[in-house]
PDB file of all heavy atoms in Angstrom:
ATOM      1  N   LEU A   1     -90.564  58.345 -65.312  1.00  0.00           N
ATOM      2  CA  LEU A   1     -89.728  57.152 -65.449  1.00  0.00           C
ATOM      3  C   LEU A   1     -88.700  57.327 -66.562  1.00  0.00           C
ATOM      4  O   LEU A   1     -87.535  56.947 -66.411  1.00  0.00           O
ATOM      5  CB  LEU A   1     -90.591  55.920 -65.720  1.00  0.00           C
ATOM      6  CG  LEU A   1     -91.424  55.428 -64.548  1.00  0.00           C
ATOM      7  CD1 LEU A   1     -92.263  54.228 -64.960  1.00  0.00           C
ATOM      8  CD2 LEU A   1     -90.553  55.088 -63.364  1.00  0.00           C
ATOM      9  N   GLU A   2     -89.126  57.925 -67.650  1.00  0.00           N
ATOM     10  CA  GLU A   2     -88.207  58.167 -68.770  1.00  0.00           C
ATOM     11  C   GLU A   2     -87.064  59.095 -68.342  1.00  0.00           C
ATOM     12  O   GLU A   2     -85.902  58.855 -68.662  1.00  0.00           O
ATOM     13  CB  GLU A   2     -88.974  58.773 -69.945  1.00  0.00           C
ATOM     14  CG  GLU A   2     -88.139  58.953 -71.190  1.00  0.00           C
ATOM     15  CD  GLU A   2     -88.961  59.492 -72.351  1.00  0.00           C
ATOM     16  OE1 GLU A   2     -90.036  58.944 -72.628  1.00  0.00           O
ATOM     17  OE2 GLU A   2     -88.490  60.476 -72.969  1.00  0.00           O
ATOM     18  N   GLN A   3     -87.393  60.154 -67.613  1.00  0.00           N
ATOM     19  CA  GLN A   3     -86.365  61.091 -67.147  1.00  0.00           C
ATOM     20  C   GLN A   3     -85.427  60.414 -66.148  1.00  0.00           C
ATOM     21  O   GLN A   3     -84.215  60.633 -66.175  1.00  0.00           O
ATOM     22  CB  GLN A   3     -87.020  62.314 -66.495  1.00  0.00           C
ATOM     23  CG  GLN A   3     -87.738  63.223 -67.465  1.00  0.00           C
ATOM     24  CD  GLN A   3     -88.578  64.271 -66.738  1.00  0.00           C
ATOM     25  OE1 GLN A   3     -89.140  64.027 -65.664  1.00  0.00           O
ATOM     26  NE2 GLN A   3     -88.686  65.454 -67.342  1.00  0.00           N
ATOM     27  N   ALA A   4     -86.005  59.603 -65.251  1.00  0.00           N
ATOM     28  CA  ALA A   4     -85.191  58.905 -64.248  1.00  0.00           C
ATOM     29  C   ALA A   4     -84.222  57.942 -64.922  1.00  0.00           C
ATOM     30  O   ALA A   4     -83.046  57.863 -64.545  1.00  0.00           O
ATOM     31  CB  ALA A   4     -86.080  58.168 -63.250  1.00  0.00           C
ATOM     32  N   LEU A   5     -84.693  57.221 -65.940  1.00  0.00           N
ATOM     33  CA  LEU A   5     -83.825  56.288 -66.643  1.00  0.00           C
ATOM     34  C   LEU A   5     -82.725  57.043 -67.394  1.00  0.00           C
ATOM     35  O   LEU A   5     -81.551  56.648 -67.357  1.00  0.00           O
ATOM     36  CB  LEU A   5     -84.635  55.420 -67.607  1.00  0.00           C
ATOM     37  CG  LEU A   5     -83.862  54.299 -68.293  1.00  0.00           C
ATOM     38  CD1 LEU A   5     -83.213  53.362 -67.282  1.00  0.00           C
ATOM     39  CD2 LEU A   5     -84.791  53.523 -69.210  1.00  0.00           C
ATOM     40  N   LYS A   6     -83.079  58.136 -68.027  1.00  0.00           N
ATOM     41  CA  LYS A   6     -82.078  58.944 -68.745  1.00  0.00           C
ATOM     42  C   LYS A   6     -81.026  59.477 -67.770  1.00  0.00           C
ATOM     43  O   LYS A   6     -79.824  59.417 -68.042  1.00  0.00           O
ATOM     44  CB  LYS A   6     -82.762  60.098 -69.470  1.00  0.00           C
ATOM     45  CG  LYS A   6     -81.807  60.961 -70.271  1.00  0.00           C
ATOM     46  CD  LYS A   6     -82.520  62.080 -70.998  1.00  0.00           C
ATOM     47  CE  LYS A   6     -81.492  62.922 -71.738  1.00  0.00           C
ATOM     48  NZ  LYS A   6     -82.025  64.109 -72.326  1.00  0.00           N
ATOM     49  N   LYS A   7     -81.472  59.966 -66.626  1.00  0.00           N
ATOM     50  CA  LYS A   7     -80.543  60.492 -65.620  1.00  0.00           C
ATOM     51  C   LYS A   7     -79.671  59.368 -65.049  1.00  0.00           C
ATOM     52  O   LYS A   7     -78.490  59.564 -64.783  1.00  0.00           O
ATOM     53  CB  LYS A   7     -81.325  61.200 -64.513  1.00  0.00           C
ATOM     54  CG  LYS A   7     -80.461  61.957 -63.541  1.00  0.00           C
ATOM     55  CD  LYS A   7     -81.336  62.814 -62.630  1.00  0.00           C
ATOM     56  CE  LYS A   7     -80.536  63.460 -61.542  1.00  0.00           C
ATOM     57  NZ  LYS A   7     -79.943  64.717 -61.896  1.00  0.00           N
ATOM     58  N   ALA A   8     -80.257  58.179 -64.896  1.00  0.00           N
ATOM     59  CA  ALA A   8     -79.489  57.023 -64.417  1.00  0.00           C
ATOM     60  C   ALA A   8     -78.369  56.685 -65.393  1.00  0.00           C
ATOM     61  O   ALA A   8     -77.225  56.464 -64.980  1.00  0.00           O
ATOM     62  CB  ALA A   8     -80.415  55.825 -64.227  1.00  0.00           C
ATOM     63  N   VAL A   9     -78.695  56.665 -66.678  1.00  0.00           N
ATOM     64  CA  VAL A   9     -77.684  56.363 -67.701  1.00  0.00           C
ATOM     65  C   VAL A   9     -76.586  57.429 -67.690  1.00  0.00           C
ATOM     66  O   VAL A   9     -75.390  57.106 -67.756  1.00  0.00           O
ATOM     67  CB  VAL A   9     -78.333  56.231 -69.095  1.00  0.00           C
ATOM     68  CG1 VAL A   9     -77.278  56.158 -70.190  1.00  0.00           C
ATOM     69  CG2 VAL A   9     -79.250  55.012 -69.142  1.00  0.00           C
ATOM     70  N   GLU A  10     -76.975  58.685 -67.586  1.00  0.00           N
ATOM     71  CA  GLU A  10     -75.981  59.765 -67.538  1.00  0.00           C
ATOM     72  C   GLU A  10     -75.072  59.617 -66.323  1.00  0.00           C
ATOM     73  O   GLU A  10     -73.848  59.771 -66.427  1.00  0.00           O
ATOM     74  CB  GLU A  10     -76.683  61.122 -67.515  1.00  0.00           C
ATOM     75  CG  GLU A  10     -77.351  61.492 -68.823  1.00  0.00           C
ATOM     76  CD  GLU A  10     -78.257  62.714 -68.728  1.00  0.00           C
ATOM     77  OE1 GLU A  10     -78.418  63.281 -67.617  1.00  0.00           O
ATOM     78  OE2 GLU A  10     -78.825  63.101 -69.771  1.00  0.00           O
ATOM     79  N   SER A  11     -75.658  59.316 -65.178  1.00  0.00           N
ATOM     80  CA  SER A  11     -74.869  59.112 -63.955  1.00  0.00           C
ATOM     81  C   SER A  11     -73.941  57.918 -64.110  1.00  0.00           C
ATOM     82  O   SER A  11     -72.767  57.970 -63.728  1.00  0.00           O
ATOM     83  CB  SER A  11     -75.796  58.909 -62.748  1.00  0.00           C
ATOM     84  OG  SER A  11     -76.541  60.071 -62.499  1.00  0.00           O
ATOM     85  N   HIS A  12     -74.469  56.840 -64.670  1.00  0.00           N
ATOM     86  CA  HIS A  12     -73.693  55.622 -64.893  1.00  0.00           C
ATOM     87  C   HIS A  12     -72.491  55.917 -65.787  1.00  0.00           C
ATOM     88  O   HIS A  12     -71.355  55.558 -65.465  1.00  0.00           O
ATOM     89  CB  HIS A  12     -74.614  54.581 -65.533  1.00  0.00           C
ATOM     90  CG  HIS A  12     -74.074  53.200 -65.579  1.00  0.00           C
ATOM     91  ND1 HIS A  12     -74.861  52.121 -65.853  1.00  0.00           N
ATOM     92  CD2 HIS A  12     -72.821  52.695 -65.437  1.00  0.00           C
ATOM     93  CE1 HIS A  12     -74.127  51.030 -65.856  1.00  0.00           C
ATOM     94  NE2 HIS A  12     -72.884  51.358 -65.607  1.00  0.00           N
ATOM     95  N   GLN A  13     -72.735  56.601 -66.888  1.00  0.00           N
ATOM     96  CA  GLN A  13     -71.655  56.927 -67.820  1.00  0.00           C
ATOM     97  C   GLN A  13     -70.631  57.873 -67.213  1.00  0.00           C
ATOM     98  O   GLN A  13     -69.470  57.885 -67.626  1.00  0.00           O
ATOM     99  CB  GLN A  13     -72.234  57.521 -69.104  1.00  0.00           C
ATOM    100  CG  GLN A  13     -73.006  56.503 -69.918  1.00  0.00           C
ATOM    101  CD  GLN A  13     -73.735  57.106 -71.105  1.00  0.00           C
ATOM    102  OE1 GLN A  13     -74.028  58.303 -71.146  1.00  0.00           O
ATOM    103  NE2 GLN A  13     -74.063  56.274 -72.078  1.00  0.00           N
ATOM    104  N   SER A  14     -71.053  58.662 -66.232  1.00  0.00           N
ATOM    105  CA  SER A  14     -70.146  59.603 -65.571  1.00  0.00           C
ATOM    106  C   SER A  14     -69.415  58.966 -64.393  1.00  0.00           C
ATOM    107  O   SER A  14     -68.650  59.633 -63.705  1.00  0.00           O
ATOM    108  CB  SER A  14     -70.936  60.822 -65.073  1.00  0.00           C
ATOM    109  OG  SER A  14     -71.489  61.516 -66.160  1.00  0.00           O
ATOM    110  N   GLY A  15     -69.694  57.689 -64.138  1.00  0.00           N
ATOM    111  CA  GLY A  15     -69.037  57.001 -63.029  1.00  0.00           C
ATOM    112  C   GLY A  15     -69.682  57.247 -61.680  1.00  0.00           C
ATOM    113  O   GLY A  15     -69.114  56.887 -60.644  1.00  0.00           O
ATOM    114  N   LEU A  16     -70.859  57.838 -61.674  1.00  0.00           N
ATOM    115  CA  LEU A  16     -71.586  58.089 -60.425  1.00  0.00           C
ATOM    116  C   LEU A  16     -72.475  56.877 -60.140  1.00  0.00           C
ATOM    117  O   LEU A  16     -73.706  56.925 -60.237  1.00  0.00           O
ATOM    118  CB  LEU A  16     -72.412  59.376 -60.541  1.00  0.00           C
ATOM    119  CG  LEU A  16     -71.609  60.634 -60.872  1.00  0.00           C
ATOM    120  CD1 LEU A  16     -72.532  61.806 -61.184  1.00  0.00           C
ATOM    121  CD2 LEU A  16     -70.664  60.975 -59.725  1.00  0.00           C
ATOM    122  N   PHE A  17     -71.827  55.776 -59.781  1.00  0.00           N
ATOM    123  CA  PHE A  17     -72.515  54.493 -59.669  1.00  0.00           C
ATOM    124  C   PHE A  17     -73.604  54.483 -58.605  1.00  0.00           C
ATOM    125  O   PHE A  17     -74.664  53.892 -58.807  1.00  0.00           O
ATOM    126  CB  PHE A  17     -71.514  53.370 -59.405  1.00  0.00           C
ATOM    127  CG  PHE A  17     -70.634  53.038 -60.574  1.00  0.00           C
ATOM    128  CD1 PHE A  17     -69.583  52.160 -60.431  1.00  0.00           C
ATOM    129  CD2 PHE A  17     -70.842  53.593 -61.835  1.00  0.00           C
ATOM    130  CE1 PHE A  17     -68.764  51.829 -61.507  1.00  0.00           C
ATOM    131  CE2 PHE A  17     -70.034  53.271 -62.919  1.00  0.00           C
ATOM    132  CZ  PHE A  17     -68.988  52.385 -62.746  1.00  0.00           C
ATOM    133  N   LYS A  18     -73.364  55.127 -57.478  1.00  0.00           N
ATOM    134  CA  LYS A  18     -74.356  55.144 -56.402  1.00  0.00           C
ATOM    135  C   LYS A  18     -75.647  55.837 -56.864  1.00  0.00           C
ATOM    136  O   LYS A  18     -76.748  55.341 -56.633  1.00  0.00           O
ATOM    137  CB  LYS A  18     -73.778  55.867 -55.184  1.00  0.00           C
ATOM    138  CG  LYS A  18     -74.202  55.318 -53.857  1.00  0.00           C
ATOM    139  CD  LYS A  18     -73.525  56.065 -52.735  1.00  0.00           C
ATOM    140  CE  LYS A  18     -72.781  55.062 -51.894  1.00  0.00           C
ATOM    141  NZ  LYS A  18     -72.296  55.638 -50.647  1.00  0.00           N
ATOM    142  N   ASP A  19     -75.484  56.976 -57.528  1.00  0.00           N
ATOM    143  CA  ASP A  19     -76.643  57.712 -58.051  1.00  0.00           C
ATOM    144  C   ASP A  19     -77.370  56.902 -59.119  1.00  0.00           C
ATOM    145  O   ASP A  19     -78.600  56.810 -59.122  1.00  0.00           O
ATOM    146  CB  ASP A  19     -76.217  59.057 -58.639  1.00  0.00           C
ATOM    147  CG  ASP A  19     -75.670  60.027 -57.604  1.00  0.00           C
ATOM    148  OD1 ASP A  19     -75.907  59.825 -56.398  1.00  0.00           O
ATOM    149  OD2 ASP A  19     -74.999  60.989 -58.012  1.00  0.00           O
ATOM    150  N   ALA A  20     -76.605  56.316 -60.023  1.00  0.00           N
ATOM    151  CA  ALA A  20     -77.193  55.523 -61.105  1.00  0.00           C
ATOM    152  C   ALA A  20     -77.965  54.337 -60.539  1.00  0.00           C
ATOM    153  O   ALA A  20     -79.094  54.065 -60.953  1.00  0.00           O
ATOM    154  CB  ALA A  20     -76.107  55.046 -62.053  1.00  0.00           C
ATOM    155  N   GLU A  21     -77.368  53.652 -59.582  1.00  0.00           N
ATOM    156  CA  GLU A  21     -78.018  52.484 -58.975  1.00  0.00           C
ATOM    157  C   GLU A  21     -79.341  52.873 -58.323  1.00  0.00           C
ATOM    158  O   GLU A  21     -80.358  52.204 -58.507  1.00  0.00           O
ATOM    159  CB  GLU A  21     -77.092  51.831 -57.957  1.00  0.00           C
ATOM    160  CG  GLU A  21     -77.671  50.581 -57.331  1.00  0.00           C
ATOM    161  CD  GLU A  21     -76.685  49.884 -56.412  1.00  0.00           C
ATOM    162  OE1 GLU A  21     -75.657  50.490 -56.019  1.00  0.00           O
ATOM    163  OE2 GLU A  21     -76.946  48.719 -56.092  1.00  0.00           O
ATOM    164  N   ALA A  22     -79.333  53.969 -57.584  1.00  0.00           N
ATOM    165  CA  ALA A  22     -80.564  54.430 -56.922  1.00  0.00           C
ATOM    166  C   ALA A  22     -81.649  54.747 -57.954  1.00  0.00           C
ATOM    167  O   ALA A  22     -82.827  54.409 -57.759  1.00  0.00           O
ATOM    168  CB  ALA A  22     -80.272  55.653 -56.057  1.00  0.00           C
ATOM    169  N   LEU A  23     -81.263  55.371 -59.041  1.00  0.00           N
ATOM    170  CA  LEU A  23     -82.237  55.723 -60.085  1.00  0.00           C
ATOM    171  C   LEU A  23     -82.741  54.487 -60.829  1.00  0.00           C
ATOM    172  O   LEU A  23     -83.941  54.381 -61.120  1.00  0.00           O
ATOM    173  CB  LEU A  23     -81.637  56.737 -61.053  1.00  0.00           C
ATOM    174  CG  LEU A  23     -81.502  58.153 -60.475  1.00  0.00           C
ATOM    175  CD1 LEU A  23     -80.535  58.972 -61.308  1.00  0.00           C
ATOM    176  CD2 LEU A  23     -82.865  58.820 -60.390  1.00  0.00           C
ATOM    177  N   TYR A  24     -81.860  53.534 -61.144  1.00  0.00           N
ATOM    178  CA  TYR A  24     -82.315  52.294 -61.785  1.00  0.00           C
ATOM    179  C   TYR A  24     -83.323  51.583 -60.882  1.00  0.00           C
ATOM    180  O   TYR A  24     -84.356  51.100 -61.346  1.00  0.00           O
ATOM    181  CB  TYR A  24     -81.142  51.344 -62.074  1.00  0.00           C
ATOM    182  CG  TYR A  24     -80.209  51.775 -63.175  1.00  0.00           C
ATOM    183  CD1 TYR A  24     -78.838  51.641 -63.045  1.00  0.00           C
ATOM    184  CD2 TYR A  24     -80.694  52.295 -64.378  1.00  0.00           C
ATOM    185  CE1 TYR A  24     -77.958  52.006 -64.055  1.00  0.00           C
ATOM    186  CE2 TYR A  24     -79.829  52.678 -65.393  1.00  0.00           C
ATOM    187  CZ  TYR A  24     -78.462  52.536 -65.224  1.00  0.00           C
ATOM    188  OH  TYR A  24     -77.601  52.907 -66.239  1.00  0.00           O
ATOM    189  N   LYS A  25     -83.019  51.536 -59.597  1.00  0.00           N
ATOM    190  CA  LYS A  25     -83.924  50.869 -58.650  1.00  0.00           C
ATOM    191  C   LYS A  25     -85.249  51.616 -58.529  1.00  0.00           C
ATOM    192  O   LYS A  25     -86.301  50.994 -58.379  1.00  0.00           O
ATOM    193  CB  LYS A  25     -83.249  50.715 -57.289  1.00  0.00           C
ATOM    194  CG  LYS A  25     -82.163  49.655 -57.316  1.00  0.00           C
ATOM    195  CD  LYS A  25     -81.489  49.485 -55.976  1.00  0.00           C
ATOM    196  CE  LYS A  25     -80.463  48.367 -56.034  1.00  0.00           C
ATOM    197  NZ  LYS A  25     -79.780  48.160 -54.751  1.00  0.00           N
ATOM    198  N   GLN A  26     -85.205  52.937 -58.615  1.00  0.00           N
ATOM    199  CA  GLN A  26     -86.426  53.742 -58.581  1.00  0.00           C
ATOM    200  C   GLN A  26     -87.309  53.397 -59.787  1.00  0.00           C
ATOM    201  O   GLN A  26     -88.518  53.223 -59.646  1.00  0.00           O
ATOM    202  CB  GLN A  26     -86.061  55.232 -58.597  1.00  0.00           C
ATOM    203  CG  GLN A  26     -87.242  56.167 -58.595  1.00  0.00           C
ATOM    204  CD  GLN A  26     -86.797  57.632 -58.692  1.00  0.00           C
ATOM    205  OE1 GLN A  26     -85.700  57.992 -58.291  1.00  0.00           O
ATOM    206  NE2 GLN A  26     -87.653  58.464 -59.236  1.00  0.00           N
ATOM    207  N   VAL A  27     -86.699  53.287 -60.939  1.00  0.00           N
ATOM    208  CA  VAL A  27     -87.446  52.905 -62.150  1.00  0.00           C
ATOM    209  C   VAL A  27     -88.046  51.513 -61.964  1.00  0.00           C
ATOM    210  O   VAL A  27     -89.224  51.286 -62.272  1.00  0.00           O
ATOM    211  CB  VAL A  27     -86.542  52.955 -63.402  1.00  0.00           C
ATOM    212  CG1 VAL A  27     -87.236  52.341 -64.606  1.00  0.00           C
ATOM    213  CG2 VAL A  27     -86.118  54.390 -63.699  1.00  0.00           C
ATOM    214  N   LEU A  28     -87.261  50.583 -61.427  1.00  0.00           N
ATOM    215  CA  LEU A  28     -87.732  49.213 -61.266  1.00  0.00           C
ATOM    216  C   LEU A  28     -88.818  49.073 -60.205  1.00  0.00           C
ATOM    217  O   LEU A  28     -89.654  48.176 -60.295  1.00  0.00           O
ATOM    218  CB  LEU A  28     -86.553  48.279 -60.968  1.00  0.00           C
ATOM    219  CG  LEU A  28     -85.622  48.081 -62.155  1.00  0.00           C
ATOM    220  CD1 LEU A  28     -84.351  47.364 -61.730  1.00  0.00           C
ATOM    221  CD2 LEU A  28     -86.322  47.330 -63.279  1.00  0.00           C
ATOM    222  N   GLU A  29     -88.823  49.959 -59.216  1.00  0.00           N
ATOM    223  CA  GLU A  29     -89.919  49.944 -58.231  1.00  0.00           C
ATOM    224  C   GLU A  29     -91.241  50.257 -58.916  1.00  0.00           C
ATOM    225  O   GLU A  29     -92.268  49.652 -58.604  1.00  0.00           O
ATOM    226  CB  GLU A  29     -89.655  50.965 -57.121  1.00  0.00           C
ATOM    227  CG  GLU A  29     -88.653  50.517 -56.094  1.00  0.00           C
ATOM    228  CD  GLU A  29     -88.380  51.588 -55.047  1.00  0.00           C
ATOM    229  OE1 GLU A  29     -89.248  52.454 -54.817  1.00  0.00           O
ATOM    230  OE2 GLU A  29     -87.285  51.545 -54.465  1.00  0.00           O
TER     231      GLU A  29
END
């Protein structure tokens, strides 16, 4: 979960919104 959240933030900051959204939702599941 920690790695997924970190990767989500990195994707988000890079403008990869689709990837970030999927990872945030994965963490929330």
